[in-house]
């Protein structure tokens, strides 16, 4: 990585880790982490970033997810409400991560 022309993007890595966490552990609503180990959208970010030691990264990941949803105010509970909406599916949640990951990758290419 240091000499192969690629760069490390912690936001992209955290988004991918959160998505993978949902795939591996399952998704839920109305709880960040349920008794089965399933997580909501924000819970996946919680589990894969250290929000106390990496607050900037944690907030940046949430901000990018909110941007993809075109949430006008960047307040994490809006993302929670989106996650908990009646009829929401895990496929929609994974699509949110996929779309956000693609957008962050595209922004990285444009800014390179």
PDB file of N, CA and C in Angstrom:
ATOM      1  N   UNK A   1       0.805  -1.202   0.000  1.00  0.00           N
ATOM      2  CA  UNK A   1       0.000   0.000   0.000  1.00  0.00           C
ATOM      3  C   UNK A   1       0.849   1.267   0.000  1.00  0.00           C
ATOM      4  N   UNK A   2       1.858   1.404   0.835  1.00  0.00           N
ATOM      5  CA  UNK A   2       2.591   2.672   0.823  1.00  0.00           C
ATOM      6  C   UNK A   2       3.278   2.975  -0.505  1.00  0.00           C
ATOM      7  N   UNK A   3       3.697   1.940  -1.223  1.00  0.00           N
ATOM      8  CA  UNK A   3       4.449   2.185  -2.446  1.00  0.00           C
ATOM      9  C   UNK A   3       3.782   1.617  -3.694  1.00  0.00           C
ATOM     10  N   UNK A   4       2.536   1.195  -3.576  1.00  0.00           N
ATOM     11  CA  UNK A   4       1.875   0.600  -4.738  1.00  0.00           C
ATOM     12  C   UNK A   4       0.908   1.560  -5.442  1.00  0.00           C
ATOM     13  N   UNK A   5       0.925   2.826  -5.043  1.00  0.00           N
ATOM     14  CA  UNK A   5       0.091   3.824  -5.702  1.00  0.00           C
ATOM     15  C   UNK A   5      -1.298   3.960  -5.110  1.00  0.00           C
ATOM     16  N   UNK A   6      -1.631   3.123  -4.138  1.00  0.00           N
ATOM     17  CA  UNK A   6      -2.931   3.252  -3.503  1.00  0.00           C
ATOM     18  C   UNK A   6      -2.778   3.994  -2.176  1.00  0.00           C
ATOM     19  N   UNK A   7      -3.869   4.549  -1.732  1.00  0.00           N
ATOM     20  CA  UNK A   7      -3.849   5.261  -0.459  1.00  0.00           C
ATOM     21  C   UNK A   7      -4.848   4.615   0.486  1.00  0.00           C
ATOM     22  N   UNK A   8      -4.651   4.846   1.739  1.00  0.00           N
ATOM     23  CA  UNK A   8      -5.532   4.323   2.769  1.00  0.00           C
ATOM     24  C   UNK A   8      -6.583   5.370   3.097  1.00  0.00           C
ATOM     25  N   UNK A   9      -7.830   5.003   2.995  1.00  0.00           N
ATOM     26  CA  UNK A   9      -8.925   5.900   3.328  1.00  0.00           C
ATOM     27  C   UNK A   9      -9.681   5.288   4.508  1.00  0.00           C
ATOM     28  N   UNK A  10      -9.475   5.814   5.719  1.00  0.00           N
ATOM     29  CA  UNK A  10     -10.123   5.214   6.885  1.00  0.00           C
ATOM     30  C   UNK A  10     -11.645   5.240   6.823  1.00  0.00           C
ATOM     31  N   UNK A  11     -12.225   6.242   6.199  1.00  0.00           N
ATOM     32  CA  UNK A  11     -13.683   6.308   6.076  1.00  0.00           C
ATOM     33  C   UNK A  11     -14.191   5.162   5.212  1.00  0.00           C
ATOM     34  N   UNK A  12     -13.537   4.943   4.097  1.00  0.00           N
ATOM     35  CA  UNK A  12     -13.921   3.854   3.204  1.00  0.00           C
ATOM     36  C   UNK A  12     -13.769   2.504   3.905  1.00  0.00           C
ATOM     37  N   UNK A  13     -12.669   2.323   4.601  1.00  0.00           N
ATOM     38  CA  UNK A  13     -12.430   1.080   5.336  1.00  0.00           C
ATOM     39  C   UNK A  13     -13.510   0.861   6.397  1.00  0.00           C
ATOM     40  N   UNK A  14     -13.886   1.918   7.113  1.00  0.00           N
ATOM     41  CA  UNK A  14     -14.905   1.811   8.158  1.00  0.00           C
ATOM     42  C   UNK A  14     -16.278   1.509   7.558  1.00  0.00           C
ATOM     43  N   UNK A  15     -16.609   2.123   6.431  1.00  0.00           N
ATOM     44  CA  UNK A  15     -17.883   1.830   5.759  1.00  0.00           C
ATOM     45  C   UNK A  15     -17.944   0.364   5.338  1.00  0.00           C
ATOM     46  N   UNK A  16     -16.864  -0.135   4.762  1.00  0.00           N
ATOM     47  CA  UNK A  16     -16.814  -1.534   4.332  1.00  0.00           C
ATOM     48  C   UNK A  16     -16.923  -2.475   5.531  1.00  0.00           C
ATOM     49  N   UNK A  17     -16.248  -2.130   6.630  1.00  0.00           N
ATOM     50  CA  UNK A  17     -16.287  -2.967   7.830  1.00  0.00           C
ATOM     51  C   UNK A  17     -17.700  -3.003   8.422  1.00  0.00           C
ATOM     52  N   UNK A  18     -18.377  -1.864   8.451  1.00  0.00           N
ATOM     53  CA  UNK A  18     -19.737  -1.807   8.995  1.00  0.00           C
ATOM     54  C   UNK A  18     -20.695  -2.625   8.126  1.00  0.00           C
ATOM     55  N   UNK A  19     -20.550  -2.506   6.815  1.00  0.00           N
ATOM     56  CA  UNK A  19     -21.388  -3.292   5.906  1.00  0.00           C
ATOM     57  C   UNK A  19     -21.157  -4.779   6.143  1.00  0.00           C
ATOM     58  N   UNK A  20     -19.896  -5.172   6.196  1.00  0.00           N
ATOM     59  CA  UNK A  20     -19.562  -6.579   6.405  1.00  0.00           C
ATOM     60  C   UNK A  20     -20.079  -7.084   7.752  1.00  0.00           C
ATOM     61  N   UNK A  21     -20.069  -6.214   8.751  1.00  0.00           N
ATOM     62  CA  UNK A  21     -20.567  -6.602  10.070  1.00  0.00           C
ATOM     63  C   UNK A  21     -22.048  -6.979   9.994  1.00  0.00           C
ATOM     64  N   UNK A  22     -22.812  -6.193   9.248  1.00  0.00           N
ATOM     65  CA  UNK A  22     -24.237  -6.504   9.085  1.00  0.00           C
ATOM     66  C   UNK A  22     -24.409  -7.832   8.356  1.00  0.00           C
ATOM     67  N   UNK A  23     -23.620  -8.054   7.310  1.00  0.00           N
ATOM     68  CA  UNK A  23     -23.714  -9.309   6.555  1.00  0.00           C
ATOM     69  C   UNK A  23     -23.393 -10.498   7.467  1.00  0.00           C
ATOM     70  N   UNK A  24     -22.367 -10.370   8.281  1.00  0.00           N
ATOM     71  CA  UNK A  24     -21.922 -11.478   9.131  1.00  0.00           C
ATOM     72  C   UNK A  24     -22.789 -11.692  10.368  1.00  0.00           C
ATOM     73  N   UNK A  25     -23.310 -10.619  10.961  1.00  0.00           N
ATOM     74  CA  UNK A  25     -24.010 -10.725  12.240  1.00  0.00           C
ATOM     75  C   UNK A  25     -25.509 -10.483  12.154  1.00  0.00           C
ATOM     76  N   UNK A  26     -25.970  -9.982  11.043  1.00  0.00           N
ATOM     77  CA  UNK A  26     -27.393  -9.736  10.867  1.00  0.00           C
ATOM     78  C   UNK A  26     -27.781  -8.301  11.214  1.00  0.00           C
ATOM     79  N   UNK A  27     -28.935  -7.914  10.719  1.00  0.00           N
ATOM     80  CA  UNK A  27     -29.444  -6.548  10.847  1.00  0.00           C
ATOM     81  C   UNK A  27     -30.691  -6.558  11.712  1.00  0.00           C
ATOM     82  N   UNK A  28     -30.926  -5.452  12.412  1.00  0.00           N
ATOM     83  CA  UNK A  28     -32.135  -5.335  13.232  1.00  0.00           C
ATOM     84  C   UNK A  28     -32.660  -3.909  13.204  1.00  0.00           C
ATOM     85  N   UNK A  29     -33.824  -3.754  13.759  1.00  0.00           N
ATOM     86  CA  UNK A  29     -34.449  -2.448  13.917  1.00  0.00           C
ATOM     87  C   UNK A  29     -34.753  -2.215  15.391  1.00  0.00           C
ATOM     88  N   UNK A  30     -34.863  -0.934  15.744  1.00  0.00           N
ATOM     89  CA  UNK A  30     -35.229  -0.484  17.087  1.00  0.00           C
ATOM     90  C   UNK A  30     -34.266  -0.911  18.190  1.00  0.00           C
ATOM     91  N   UNK A  31     -33.029  -1.213  17.795  1.00  0.00           N
ATOM     92  CA  UNK A  31     -31.975  -1.540  18.753  1.00  0.00           C
ATOM     93  C   UNK A  31     -30.634  -1.414  18.038  1.00  0.00           C
ATOM     94  N   UNK A  32     -29.658  -0.820  18.717  1.00  0.00           N
ATOM     95  CA  UNK A  32     -28.325  -0.735  18.119  1.00  0.00           C
ATOM     96  C   UNK A  32     -27.705  -2.124  18.031  1.00  0.00           C
ATOM     97  N   UNK A  33     -27.941  -2.936  19.047  1.00  0.00           N
ATOM     98  CA  UNK A  33     -27.428  -4.297  19.141  1.00  0.00           C
ATOM     99  C   UNK A  33     -28.442  -5.117  19.910  1.00  0.00           C
ATOM    100  N   UNK A  34     -28.997  -6.148  19.285  1.00  0.00           N
ATOM    101  CA  UNK A  34     -30.000  -6.934  19.993  1.00  0.00           C
ATOM    102  C   UNK A  34     -29.369  -8.180  20.625  1.00  0.00           C
ATOM    103  N   UNK A  35     -30.178  -8.974  21.307  1.00  0.00           N
ATOM    104  CA  UNK A  35     -29.689 -10.145  22.034  1.00  0.00           C
ATOM    105  C   UNK A  35     -29.083 -11.205  21.117  1.00  0.00           C
ATOM    106  N   UNK A  36     -29.452 -11.199  19.848  1.00  0.00           N
ATOM    107  CA  UNK A  36     -28.912 -12.156  18.890  1.00  0.00           C
ATOM    108  C   UNK A  36     -27.592 -11.691  18.276  1.00  0.00           C
ATOM    109  N   UNK A  37     -27.202 -10.457  18.582  1.00  0.00           N
ATOM    110  CA  UNK A  37     -25.977  -9.910  18.009  1.00  0.00           C
ATOM    111  C   UNK A  37     -26.195  -9.148  16.721  1.00  0.00           C
ATOM    112  N   UNK A  38     -27.468  -9.006  16.302  1.00  0.00           N
ATOM    113  CA  UNK A  38     -27.793  -8.218  15.113  1.00  0.00           C
ATOM    114  C   UNK A  38     -27.630  -6.743  15.437  1.00  0.00           C
ATOM    115  N   UNK A  39     -27.313  -5.948  14.432  1.00  0.00           N
ATOM    116  CA  UNK A  39     -27.106  -4.516  14.623  1.00  0.00           C
ATOM    117  C   UNK A  39     -27.916  -3.710  13.624  1.00  0.00           C
ATOM    118  N   UNK A  40     -28.220  -2.469  14.010  1.00  0.00           N
ATOM    119  CA  UNK A  40     -28.844  -1.535  13.083  1.00  0.00           C
ATOM    120  C   UNK A  40     -27.723  -0.833  12.297  1.00  0.00           C
ATOM    121  N   UNK A  41     -28.097   0.093  11.441  1.00  0.00           N
ATOM    122  CA  UNK A  41     -27.117   0.817  10.630  1.00  0.00           C
ATOM    123  C   UNK A  41     -26.095   1.525  11.504  1.00  0.00           C
ATOM    124  N   UNK A  42     -26.565   2.297  12.473  1.00  0.00           N
ATOM    125  CA  UNK A  42     -25.648   3.025  13.362  1.00  0.00           C
ATOM    126  C   UNK A  42     -24.915   2.047  14.268  1.00  0.00           C
ATOM    127  N   UNK A  43     -25.584   0.981  14.693  1.00  0.00           N
ATOM    128  CA  UNK A  43     -24.940  -0.032  15.527  1.00  0.00           C
ATOM    129  C   UNK A  43     -23.771  -0.690  14.830  1.00  0.00           C
ATOM    130  N   UNK A  44     -23.884  -0.904  13.522  1.00  0.00           N
ATOM    131  CA  UNK A  44     -22.774  -1.495  12.759  1.00  0.00           C
ATOM    132  C   UNK A  44     -21.560  -0.566  12.767  1.00  0.00           C
ATOM    133  N   UNK A  45     -21.819   0.737  12.641  1.00  0.00           N
ATOM    134  CA  UNK A  45     -20.718   1.716  12.700  1.00  0.00           C
ATOM    135  C   UNK A  45     -20.119   1.728  14.108  1.00  0.00           C
ATOM    136  N   UNK A  46     -20.990   1.639  15.124  1.00  0.00           N
ATOM    137  CA  UNK A  46     -20.514   1.579  16.512  1.00  0.00           C
ATOM    138  C   UNK A  46     -19.588   0.384  16.728  1.00  0.00           C
ATOM    139  N   UNK A  47     -19.969  -0.758  16.191  1.00  0.00           N
ATOM    140  CA  UNK A  47     -19.214  -1.986  16.427  1.00  0.00           C
ATOM    141  C   UNK A  47     -17.885  -2.023  15.679  1.00  0.00           C
ATOM    142  N   UNK A  48     -17.758  -1.242  14.633  1.00  0.00           N
ATOM    143  CA  UNK A  48     -16.556  -1.334  13.796  1.00  0.00           C
ATOM    144  C   UNK A  48     -15.643  -0.113  13.882  1.00  0.00           C
ATOM    145  N   UNK A  49     -16.068   0.890  14.619  1.00  0.00           N
ATOM    146  CA  UNK A  49     -15.190   2.031  14.900  1.00  0.00           C
ATOM    147  C   UNK A  49     -15.221   2.262  16.404  1.00  0.00           C
ATOM    148  N   UNK A  50     -14.184   2.808  16.925  1.00  0.00           N
ATOM    149  CA  UNK A  50     -14.136   3.135  18.344  1.00  0.00           C
ATOM    150  C   UNK A  50     -14.580   4.582  18.481  1.00  0.00           C
ATOM    151  N   UNK A  51     -15.867   4.777  18.787  1.00  0.00           N
ATOM    152  CA  UNK A  51     -16.415   6.132  18.788  1.00  0.00           C
ATOM    153  C   UNK A  51     -15.786   7.019  19.856  1.00  0.00           C
ATOM    154  N   UNK A  52     -15.193   6.426  20.870  1.00  0.00           N
ATOM    155  CA  UNK A  52     -14.518   7.239  21.894  1.00  0.00           C
ATOM    156  C   UNK A  52     -13.129   7.677  21.436  1.00  0.00           C
ATOM    157  N   UNK A  53     -12.393   6.769  20.808  1.00  0.00           N
ATOM    158  CA  UNK A  53     -11.023   7.087  20.382  1.00  0.00           C
ATOM    159  C   UNK A  53     -10.961   7.599  18.950  1.00  0.00           C
ATOM    160  N   UNK A  54     -11.989   7.299  18.165  1.00  0.00           N
ATOM    161  CA  UNK A  54     -12.013   7.685  16.756  1.00  0.00           C
ATOM    162  C   UNK A  54     -13.282   8.477  16.446  1.00  0.00           C
ATOM    163  N   UNK A  55     -13.575   9.454  17.265  1.00  0.00           N
ATOM    164  CA  UNK A  55     -14.828  10.205  17.121  1.00  0.00           C
ATOM    165  C   UNK A  55     -14.933  10.859  15.747  1.00  0.00           C
ATOM    166  N   UNK A  56     -13.850  11.430  15.240  1.00  0.00           N
ATOM    167  CA  UNK A  56     -13.898  12.058  13.918  1.00  0.00           C
ATOM    168  C   UNK A  56     -14.260  11.043  12.840  1.00  0.00           C
ATOM    169  N   UNK A  57     -13.661   9.873  12.904  1.00  0.00           N
ATOM    170  CA  UNK A  57     -13.951   8.829  11.920  1.00  0.00           C
ATOM    171  C   UNK A  57     -15.404   8.368  12.048  1.00  0.00           C
ATOM    172  N   UNK A  58     -15.831   8.113  13.263  1.00  0.00           N
ATOM    173  CA  UNK A  58     -17.210   7.682  13.532  1.00  0.00           C
ATOM    174  C   UNK A  58     -18.208   8.693  12.948  1.00  0.00           C
ATOM    175  N   UNK A  59     -18.007   9.961  13.251  1.00  0.00           N
ATOM    176  CA  UNK A  59     -18.907  11.011  12.756  1.00  0.00           C
ATOM    177  C   UNK A  59     -18.833  11.136  11.240  1.00  0.00           C
ATOM    178  N   UNK A  60     -17.652  10.976  10.671  1.00  0.00           N
ATOM    179  CA  UNK A  60     -17.483  11.072   9.224  1.00  0.00           C
ATOM    180  C   UNK A  60     -18.224   9.947   8.505  1.00  0.00           C
ATOM    181  N   UNK A  61     -18.162   8.748   9.041  1.00  0.00           N
ATOM    182  CA  UNK A  61     -18.877   7.619   8.440  1.00  0.00           C
ATOM    183  C   UNK A  61     -20.386   7.885   8.474  1.00  0.00           C
ATOM    184  N   UNK A  62     -20.899   8.307   9.623  1.00  0.00           N
ATOM    185  CA  UNK A  62     -22.329   8.618   9.716  1.00  0.00           C
ATOM    186  C   UNK A  62     -22.706   9.744   8.763  1.00  0.00           C
ATOM    187  N   UNK A  63     -21.843  10.764   8.664  1.00  0.00           N
ATOM    188  CA  UNK A  63     -22.109  11.891   7.771  1.00  0.00           C
ATOM    189  C   UNK A  63     -22.242  11.409   6.327  1.00  0.00           C
ATOM    190  N   UNK A  64     -21.347  10.531   5.896  1.00  0.00           N
ATOM    191  CA  UNK A  64     -21.408  10.031   4.522  1.00  0.00           C
ATOM    192  C   UNK A  64     -22.677   9.218   4.276  1.00  0.00           C
ATOM    193  N   UNK A  65     -23.092   8.403   5.238  1.00  0.00           N
ATOM    194  CA  UNK A  65     -24.341   7.656   5.086  1.00  0.00           C
ATOM    195  C   UNK A  65     -25.526   8.610   4.985  1.00  0.00           C
ATOM    196  N   UNK A  66     -25.523   9.640   5.813  1.00  0.00           N
ATOM    197  CA  UNK A  66     -26.600  10.634   5.783  1.00  0.00           C
ATOM    198  C   UNK A  66     -26.598  11.407   4.467  1.00  0.00           C
ATOM    199  N   UNK A  67     -25.431  11.717   3.941  1.00  0.00           N
ATOM    200  CA  UNK A  67     -25.329  12.407   2.642  1.00  0.00           C
ATOM    201  C   UNK A  67     -25.948  11.562   1.537  1.00  0.00           C
ATOM    202  N   UNK A  68     -25.686  10.275   1.557  1.00  0.00           N
ATOM    203  CA  UNK A  68     -26.259   9.387   0.544  1.00  0.00           C
ATOM    204  C   UNK A  68     -27.778   9.418   0.598  1.00  0.00           C
ATOM    205  N   UNK A  69     -28.323   9.505   1.805  1.00  0.00           N
ATOM    206  CA  UNK A  69     -29.780   9.571   1.972  1.00  0.00           C
ATOM    207  C   UNK A  69     -30.331  10.971   1.757  1.00  0.00           C
ATOM    208  N   UNK A  70     -29.446  11.929   1.529  1.00  0.00           N
ATOM    209  CA  UNK A  70     -29.819  13.327   1.333  1.00  0.00           C
ATOM    210  C   UNK A  70     -30.573  13.883   2.545  1.00  0.00           C
ATOM    211  N   UNK A  71     -30.119  13.472   3.730  1.00  0.00           N
ATOM    212  CA  UNK A  71     -30.685  14.021   4.957  1.00  0.00           C
ATOM    213  C   UNK A  71     -30.129  15.421   5.145  1.00  0.00           C
ATOM    214  N   UNK A  72     -31.004  16.384   5.231  1.00  0.00           N
ATOM    215  CA  UNK A  72     -30.578  17.791   5.263  1.00  0.00           C
ATOM    216  C   UNK A  72     -29.827  18.146   6.539  1.00  0.00           C
ATOM    217  N   UNK A  73     -30.255  17.582   7.653  1.00  0.00           N
ATOM    218  CA  UNK A  73     -29.579  17.850   8.914  1.00  0.00           C
ATOM    219  C   UNK A  73     -28.804  16.599   9.296  1.00  0.00           C
ATOM    220  N   UNK A  74     -27.540  16.766   9.569  1.00  0.00           N
ATOM    221  CA  UNK A  74     -26.703  15.618   9.913  1.00  0.00           C
ATOM    222  C   UNK A  74     -26.779  15.365  11.414  1.00  0.00           C
ATOM    223  N   UNK A  75     -27.825  14.623  11.767  1.00  0.00           N
ATOM    224  CA  UNK A  75     -28.060  14.236  13.150  1.00  0.00           C
ATOM    225  C   UNK A  75     -28.283  12.729  13.120  1.00  0.00           C
ATOM    226  N   UNK A  76     -27.491  12.002  13.878  1.00  0.00           N
ATOM    227  CA  UNK A  76     -27.507  10.537  13.792  1.00  0.00           C
ATOM    228  C   UNK A  76     -28.896   9.941  13.990  1.00  0.00           C
ATOM    229  N   UNK A  77     -29.741  10.579  14.810  1.00  0.00           N
ATOM    230  CA  UNK A  77     -31.052   9.967  15.029  1.00  0.00           C
ATOM    231  C   UNK A  77     -31.889   9.944  13.762  1.00  0.00           C
ATOM    232  N   UNK A  78     -31.609  10.824  12.793  1.00  0.00           N
ATOM    233  CA  UNK A  78     -32.340  10.755  11.514  1.00  0.00           C
ATOM    234  C   UNK A  78     -31.994   9.461  10.784  1.00  0.00           C
ATOM    235  N   UNK A  79     -30.746   9.064  10.876  1.00  0.00           N
ATOM    236  CA  UNK A  79     -30.321   7.792  10.297  1.00  0.00           C
ATOM    237  C   UNK A  79     -30.977   6.628  11.042  1.00  0.00           C
ATOM    238  N   UNK A  80     -31.100   6.757  12.345  1.00  0.00           N
ATOM    239  CA  UNK A  80     -31.783   5.742  13.153  1.00  0.00           C
ATOM    240  C   UNK A  80     -33.243   5.620  12.717  1.00  0.00           C
ATOM    241  N   UNK A  81     -33.916   6.752  12.531  1.00  0.00           N
ATOM    242  CA  UNK A  81     -35.314   6.723  12.078  1.00  0.00           C
ATOM    243  C   UNK A  81     -35.430   6.099  10.690  1.00  0.00           C
ATOM    244  N   UNK A  82     -34.484   6.393   9.814  1.00  0.00           N
ATOM    245  CA  UNK A  82     -34.486   5.777   8.488  1.00  0.00           C
ATOM    246  C   UNK A  82     -34.370   4.263   8.640  1.00  0.00           C
ATOM    247  N   UNK A  83     -33.418   3.811   9.451  1.00  0.00           N
ATOM    248  CA  UNK A  83     -33.201   2.379   9.680  1.00  0.00           C
ATOM    249  C   UNK A  83     -34.469   1.712  10.221  1.00  0.00           C
ATOM    250  N   UNK A  84     -35.159   2.398  11.131  1.00  0.00           N
ATOM    251  CA  UNK A  84     -36.293   1.807  11.828  1.00  0.00           C
ATOM    252  C   UNK A  84     -37.636   1.989  11.119  1.00  0.00           C
ATOM    253  N   UNK A  85     -37.624   2.575   9.943  1.00  0.00           N
ATOM    254  CA  UNK A  85     -38.877   2.812   9.218  1.00  0.00           C
ATOM    255  C   UNK A  85     -39.610   1.496   8.931  1.00  0.00           C
ATOM    256  N   UNK A  86     -40.904   1.537   9.077  1.00  0.00           N
ATOM    257  CA  UNK A  86     -41.751   0.380   8.791  1.00  0.00           C
ATOM    258  C   UNK A  86     -41.482  -0.102   7.368  1.00  0.00           C
ATOM    259  N   UNK A  87     -41.250  -1.387   7.218  1.00  0.00           N
ATOM    260  CA  UNK A  87     -41.021  -1.969   5.897  1.00  0.00           C
ATOM    261  C   UNK A  87     -39.585  -1.919   5.407  1.00  0.00           C
ATOM    262  N   UNK A  88     -38.705  -1.257   6.154  1.00  0.00           N
ATOM    263  CA  UNK A  88     -37.286  -1.201   5.759  1.00  0.00           C
ATOM    264  C   UNK A  88     -36.730  -2.627   5.710  1.00  0.00           C
ATOM    265  N   UNK A  89     -35.851  -2.902   4.763  1.00  0.00           N
ATOM    266  CA  UNK A  89     -35.271  -4.241   4.627  1.00  0.00           C
ATOM    267  C   UNK A  89     -33.752  -4.188   4.738  1.00  0.00           C
ATOM    268  N   UNK A  90     -33.179  -5.329   5.033  1.00  0.00           N
ATOM    269  CA  UNK A  90     -31.724  -5.420   5.095  1.00  0.00           C
ATOM    270  C   UNK A  90     -31.115  -5.111   3.721  1.00  0.00           C
ATOM    271  N   UNK A  91     -31.811  -5.474   2.665  1.00  0.00           N
ATOM    272  CA  UNK A  91     -31.298  -5.171   1.317  1.00  0.00           C
ATOM    273  C   UNK A  91     -31.182  -3.662   1.099  1.00  0.00           C
ATOM    274  N   UNK A  92     -32.133  -2.899   1.613  1.00  0.00           N
ATOM    275  CA  UNK A  92     -32.061  -1.441   1.499  1.00  0.00           C
ATOM    276  C   UNK A  92     -30.898  -0.885   2.313  1.00  0.00           C
ATOM    277  N   UNK A  93     -30.664  -1.472   3.474  1.00  0.00           N
ATOM    278  CA  UNK A  93     -29.556  -1.029   4.316  1.00  0.00           C
ATOM    279  C   UNK A  93     -28.227  -1.329   3.631  1.00  0.00           C
ATOM    280  N   UNK A  94     -28.073  -2.524   3.094  1.00  0.00           N
ATOM    281  CA  UNK A  94     -26.838  -2.876   2.386  1.00  0.00           C
ATOM    282  C   UNK A  94     -26.662  -2.012   1.142  1.00  0.00           C
ATOM    283  N   UNK A  95     -27.772  -1.698   0.478  1.00  0.00           N
ATOM    284  CA  UNK A  95     -27.701  -0.805  -0.684  1.00  0.00           C
ATOM    285  C   UNK A  95     -27.209   0.584  -0.268  1.00  0.00           C
ATOM    286  N   UNK A  96     -27.659   1.057   0.893  1.00  0.00           N
ATOM    287  CA  UNK A  96     -27.169   2.342   1.408  1.00  0.00           C
ATOM    288  C   UNK A  96     -25.655   2.301   1.584  1.00  0.00           C
ATOM    289  N   UNK A  97     -25.152   1.241   2.195  1.00  0.00           N
ATOM    290  CA  UNK A  97     -23.699   1.114   2.361  1.00  0.00           C
ATOM    291  C   UNK A  97     -23.000   1.022   1.007  1.00  0.00           C
ATOM    292  N   UNK A  98     -23.530   0.203   0.095  1.00  0.00           N
ATOM    293  CA  UNK A  98     -22.907   0.047  -1.224  1.00  0.00           C
ATOM    294  C   UNK A  98     -22.857   1.370  -1.981  1.00  0.00           C
ATOM    295  N   UNK A  99     -23.948   2.105  -1.949  1.00  0.00           N
ATOM    296  CA  UNK A  99     -24.009   3.396  -2.641  1.00  0.00           C
ATOM    297  C   UNK A  99     -23.054   4.397  -2.007  1.00  0.00           C
ATOM    298  N   UNK A 100     -22.989   4.392  -0.694  1.00  0.00           N
ATOM    299  CA  UNK A 100     -22.081   5.308   0.011  1.00  0.00           C
ATOM    300  C   UNK A 100     -20.630   4.950  -0.276  1.00  0.00           C
ATOM    301  N   UNK A 101     -20.307   3.678  -0.254  1.00  0.00           N
ATOM    302  CA  UNK A 101     -18.941   3.225  -0.557  1.00  0.00           C
ATOM    303  C   UNK A 101     -18.564   3.639  -1.975  1.00  0.00           C
ATOM    304  N   UNK A 102     -19.461   3.439  -2.917  1.00  0.00           N
ATOM    305  CA  UNK A 102     -19.185   3.820  -4.312  1.00  0.00           C
ATOM    306  C   UNK A 102     -18.970   5.328  -4.429  1.00  0.00           C
ATOM    307  N   UNK A 103     -19.787   6.116  -3.715  1.00  0.00           N
ATOM    308  CA  UNK A 103     -19.646   7.572  -3.777  1.00  0.00           C
ATOM    309  C   UNK A 103     -18.328   8.030  -3.172  1.00  0.00           C
ATOM    310  N   UNK A 104     -17.944   7.437  -2.045  1.00  0.00           N
ATOM    311  CA  UNK A 104     -16.670   7.803  -1.412  1.00  0.00           C
ATOM    312  C   UNK A 104     -15.506   7.418  -2.327  1.00  0.00           C
ATOM    313  N   UNK A 105     -15.587   6.270  -2.968  1.00  0.00           N
ATOM    314  CA  UNK A 105     -14.540   5.862  -3.925  1.00  0.00           C
ATOM    315  C   UNK A 105     -14.459   6.845  -5.098  1.00  0.00           C
ATOM    316  N   UNK A 106     -15.619   7.249  -5.612  1.00  0.00           N
ATOM    317  CA  UNK A 106     -15.658   8.193  -6.727  1.00  0.00           C
ATOM    318  C   UNK A 106     -15.066   9.527  -6.321  1.00  0.00           C
ATOM    319  N   UNK A 107     -15.418  10.020  -5.135  1.00  0.00           N
ATOM    320  CA  UNK A 107     -14.869  11.284  -4.632  1.00  0.00           C
ATOM    321  C   UNK A 107     -13.359  11.192  -4.487  1.00  0.00           C
ATOM    322  N   UNK A 108     -12.877  10.035  -4.058  1.00  0.00           N
ATOM    323  CA  UNK A 108     -11.436   9.844  -3.897  1.00  0.00           C
ATOM    324  C   UNK A 108     -10.734   9.918  -5.244  1.00  0.00           C
ATOM    325  N   UNK A 109     -11.348   9.329  -6.283  1.00  0.00           N
ATOM    326  CA  UNK A 109     -10.767   9.366  -7.627  1.00  0.00           C
ATOM    327  C   UNK A 109     -10.739  10.796  -8.169  1.00  0.00           C
ATOM    328  N   UNK A 110     -11.813  11.524  -7.941  1.00  0.00           N
ATOM    329  CA  UNK A 110     -11.913  12.895  -8.434  1.00  0.00           C
ATOM    330  C   UNK A 110     -10.882  13.785  -7.739  1.00  0.00           C
ATOM    331  N   UNK A 111     -10.682  13.538  -6.449  1.00  0.00           N
ATOM    332  CA  UNK A 111      -9.776  14.381  -5.667  1.00  0.00           C
ATOM    333  C   UNK A 111      -8.320  13.928  -5.737  1.00  0.00           C
ATOM    334  N   UNK A 112      -8.049  12.833  -6.450  1.00  0.00           N
ATOM    335  CA  UNK A 112      -6.665  12.325  -6.515  1.00  0.00           C
ATOM    336  C   UNK A 112      -5.800  13.167  -7.420  1.00  0.00           C
TER     337      UNK A 112
END
